[in-house]
């Protein structure tokens, strides 16, 4: 069950990060561009790391 929750949270962060990076096309202020880029990339990275961790936990749980 914790693996499913981890995957749901990861998907949420990937979607939020993608939306923020897509919003960069509308950002005009230099500070907004910097903040959107930094927060978007960090959210995407968190989502990817959670997906990797959840898949590793799933493999360990199914092989044991």
N, C-alpha and C. Protein backbone atom coordinates (compact mmCIF):
# COMPACT_ATOMS: atom_id res chain seq x y z
N UNK A 1 0.82 -1.20 0.00
CA UNK A 1 0.00 0.00 0.00
C UNK A 1 0.86 1.26 0.00
N UNK A 2 1.98 1.24 0.72
CA UNK A 2 2.85 2.42 0.76
C UNK A 2 3.48 2.68 -0.61
N UNK A 3 3.67 1.64 -1.40
CA UNK A 3 4.23 1.81 -2.74
C UNK A 3 3.25 2.56 -3.63
N UNK A 4 1.97 2.23 -3.50
CA UNK A 4 0.94 2.90 -4.30
C UNK A 4 0.87 4.38 -3.92
N UNK A 5 0.92 4.65 -2.63
CA UNK A 5 0.89 6.05 -2.17
C UNK A 5 2.11 6.79 -2.69
N UNK A 6 3.26 6.14 -2.66
CA UNK A 6 4.49 6.75 -3.14
C UNK A 6 4.38 7.08 -4.64
N UNK A 7 3.79 6.17 -5.40
CA UNK A 7 3.63 6.41 -6.83
C UNK A 7 2.63 7.54 -7.11
N UNK A 8 1.58 7.63 -6.31
CA UNK A 8 0.60 8.71 -6.49
C UNK A 8 1.23 10.06 -6.19
N UNK A 9 2.01 10.13 -5.12
CA UNK A 9 2.70 11.38 -4.77
C UNK A 9 3.72 11.74 -5.86
N UNK A 10 4.42 10.73 -6.36
CA UNK A 10 5.40 10.97 -7.43
C UNK A 10 4.71 11.51 -8.67
N UNK A 11 3.59 10.94 -9.04
CA UNK A 11 2.85 11.42 -10.20
C UNK A 11 2.40 12.86 -10.00
N UNK A 12 1.96 13.18 -8.79
CA UNK A 12 1.53 14.55 -8.50
C UNK A 12 2.70 15.52 -8.67
N UNK A 13 3.87 15.17 -8.17
CA UNK A 13 5.02 16.06 -8.30
C UNK A 13 5.47 16.19 -9.75
N UNK A 14 5.40 15.11 -10.51
CA UNK A 14 5.77 15.18 -11.92
C UNK A 14 4.80 16.10 -12.67
N UNK A 15 3.51 15.96 -12.38
CA UNK A 15 2.53 16.82 -13.05
C UNK A 15 2.69 18.28 -12.65
N UNK A 16 2.91 18.54 -11.37
CA UNK A 16 3.10 19.91 -10.90
C UNK A 16 4.37 20.52 -11.50
N UNK A 17 5.44 19.75 -11.49
CA UNK A 17 6.70 20.23 -12.07
C UNK A 17 6.57 20.51 -13.55
N UNK A 18 5.88 19.63 -14.26
CA UNK A 18 5.67 19.85 -15.70
C UNK A 18 4.83 21.10 -15.94
N UNK A 19 3.79 21.28 -15.14
CA UNK A 19 2.94 22.46 -15.30
C UNK A 19 3.72 23.74 -15.04
N UNK A 20 4.58 23.72 -14.05
CA UNK A 20 5.38 24.92 -13.74
C UNK A 20 6.36 25.21 -14.87
N UNK A 21 6.97 24.16 -15.42
CA UNK A 21 7.92 24.37 -16.52
C UNK A 21 7.19 24.86 -17.77
N UNK A 22 5.98 24.35 -18.01
CA UNK A 22 5.19 24.83 -19.15
C UNK A 22 4.80 26.29 -18.93
N UNK A 23 4.56 26.67 -17.68
CA UNK A 23 4.21 28.05 -17.37
C UNK A 23 5.36 29.02 -17.64
N UNK A 24 6.55 28.49 -17.82
CA UNK A 24 7.69 29.36 -18.15
C UNK A 24 7.46 30.11 -19.46
N UNK A 25 6.67 29.54 -20.35
CA UNK A 25 6.42 30.20 -21.64
C UNK A 25 5.69 31.53 -21.44
N UNK A 26 4.91 31.65 -20.36
CA UNK A 26 4.15 32.87 -20.10
C UNK A 26 4.87 33.83 -19.17
N UNK A 27 5.89 33.37 -18.48
CA UNK A 27 6.59 34.23 -17.51
C UNK A 27 7.42 35.28 -18.24
N UNK A 28 7.32 36.51 -17.77
CA UNK A 28 8.06 37.60 -18.41
C UNK A 28 9.13 38.18 -17.48
N UNK A 29 8.87 38.15 -16.20
CA UNK A 29 9.80 38.71 -15.23
C UNK A 29 10.97 37.75 -15.03
N UNK A 30 12.17 38.30 -14.93
CA UNK A 30 13.36 37.48 -14.76
C UNK A 30 13.31 36.65 -13.47
N UNK A 31 12.78 37.25 -12.41
CA UNK A 31 12.68 36.53 -11.14
C UNK A 31 11.70 35.38 -11.24
N UNK A 32 10.58 35.58 -11.94
CA UNK A 32 9.62 34.50 -12.12
C UNK A 32 10.21 33.36 -12.94
N UNK A 33 10.94 33.72 -13.98
CA UNK A 33 11.56 32.69 -14.81
C UNK A 33 12.52 31.84 -13.97
N UNK A 34 13.35 32.51 -13.17
CA UNK A 34 14.31 31.79 -12.31
C UNK A 34 13.57 30.90 -11.32
N UNK A 35 12.55 31.45 -10.67
CA UNK A 35 11.82 30.67 -9.65
C UNK A 35 11.05 29.52 -10.28
N UNK A 36 10.37 29.76 -11.40
CA UNK A 36 9.62 28.70 -12.05
C UNK A 36 10.56 27.59 -12.51
N UNK A 37 11.70 27.97 -13.07
CA UNK A 37 12.64 26.96 -13.56
C UNK A 37 13.18 26.13 -12.39
N UNK A 38 13.56 26.79 -11.31
CA UNK A 38 14.13 26.08 -10.17
C UNK A 38 13.10 25.16 -9.51
N UNK A 39 11.92 25.69 -9.23
CA UNK A 39 10.89 24.89 -8.56
C UNK A 39 10.39 23.78 -9.48
N UNK A 40 10.24 24.06 -10.76
CA UNK A 40 9.78 23.04 -11.70
C UNK A 40 10.75 21.89 -11.84
N UNK A 41 12.02 22.20 -11.95
CA UNK A 41 13.03 21.14 -12.08
C UNK A 41 13.13 20.34 -10.79
N UNK A 42 13.05 21.00 -9.65
CA UNK A 42 13.12 20.28 -8.37
C UNK A 42 11.91 19.37 -8.18
N UNK A 43 10.73 19.84 -8.57
CA UNK A 43 9.53 19.00 -8.45
C UNK A 43 9.63 17.79 -9.38
N UNK A 44 10.10 18.01 -10.60
CA UNK A 44 10.29 16.88 -11.52
C UNK A 44 11.32 15.89 -10.97
N UNK A 45 12.41 16.41 -10.43
CA UNK A 45 13.44 15.53 -9.87
C UNK A 45 12.90 14.73 -8.70
N UNK A 46 12.12 15.37 -7.83
CA UNK A 46 11.53 14.65 -6.71
C UNK A 46 10.60 13.55 -7.20
N UNK A 47 9.79 13.85 -8.20
CA UNK A 47 8.90 12.85 -8.76
C UNK A 47 9.66 11.66 -9.34
N UNK A 48 10.72 11.93 -10.07
CA UNK A 48 11.52 10.85 -10.66
C UNK A 48 12.17 9.99 -9.58
N UNK A 49 12.73 10.63 -8.57
CA UNK A 49 13.37 9.89 -7.49
C UNK A 49 12.35 9.04 -6.73
N UNK A 50 11.16 9.57 -6.50
CA UNK A 50 10.12 8.78 -5.84
C UNK A 50 9.69 7.59 -6.70
N UNK A 51 9.60 7.79 -8.00
CA UNK A 51 9.25 6.68 -8.89
C UNK A 51 10.32 5.60 -8.86
N UNK A 52 11.57 6.00 -8.89
CA UNK A 52 12.68 5.03 -8.82
C UNK A 52 12.64 4.28 -7.49
N UNK A 53 12.44 5.00 -6.40
CA UNK A 53 12.39 4.37 -5.08
C UNK A 53 11.20 3.42 -4.95
N UNK A 54 10.05 3.83 -5.45
CA UNK A 54 8.86 2.98 -5.37
C UNK A 54 9.03 1.73 -6.21
N UNK A 55 9.63 1.86 -7.38
CA UNK A 55 9.84 0.66 -8.21
C UNK A 55 10.85 -0.28 -7.57
N UNK A 56 11.87 0.27 -6.90
CA UNK A 56 12.82 -0.58 -6.19
C UNK A 56 12.15 -1.29 -5.02
N UNK A 57 11.31 -0.57 -4.28
CA UNK A 57 10.59 -1.19 -3.17
C UNK A 57 9.65 -2.29 -3.67
N UNK A 58 9.02 -2.06 -4.81
CA UNK A 58 8.12 -3.05 -5.39
C UNK A 58 8.88 -4.31 -5.80
N UNK A 59 10.05 -4.12 -6.41
CA UNK A 59 10.87 -5.29 -6.79
C UNK A 59 11.33 -6.07 -5.56
N UNK A 60 11.74 -5.35 -4.53
CA UNK A 60 12.18 -6.04 -3.30
C UNK A 60 11.03 -6.78 -2.66
N UNK A 61 9.83 -6.20 -2.69
CA UNK A 61 8.68 -6.83 -2.05
C UNK A 61 8.21 -8.05 -2.83
N UNK A 62 8.35 -8.04 -4.13
CA UNK A 62 7.87 -9.17 -4.92
C UNK A 62 8.88 -10.31 -5.00
N UNK A 63 10.17 -10.03 -4.81
CA UNK A 63 11.17 -11.09 -4.87
C UNK A 63 11.33 -11.81 -3.52
N UNK A 64 10.90 -11.20 -2.44
CA UNK A 64 11.08 -11.80 -1.11
C UNK A 64 10.01 -12.83 -0.82
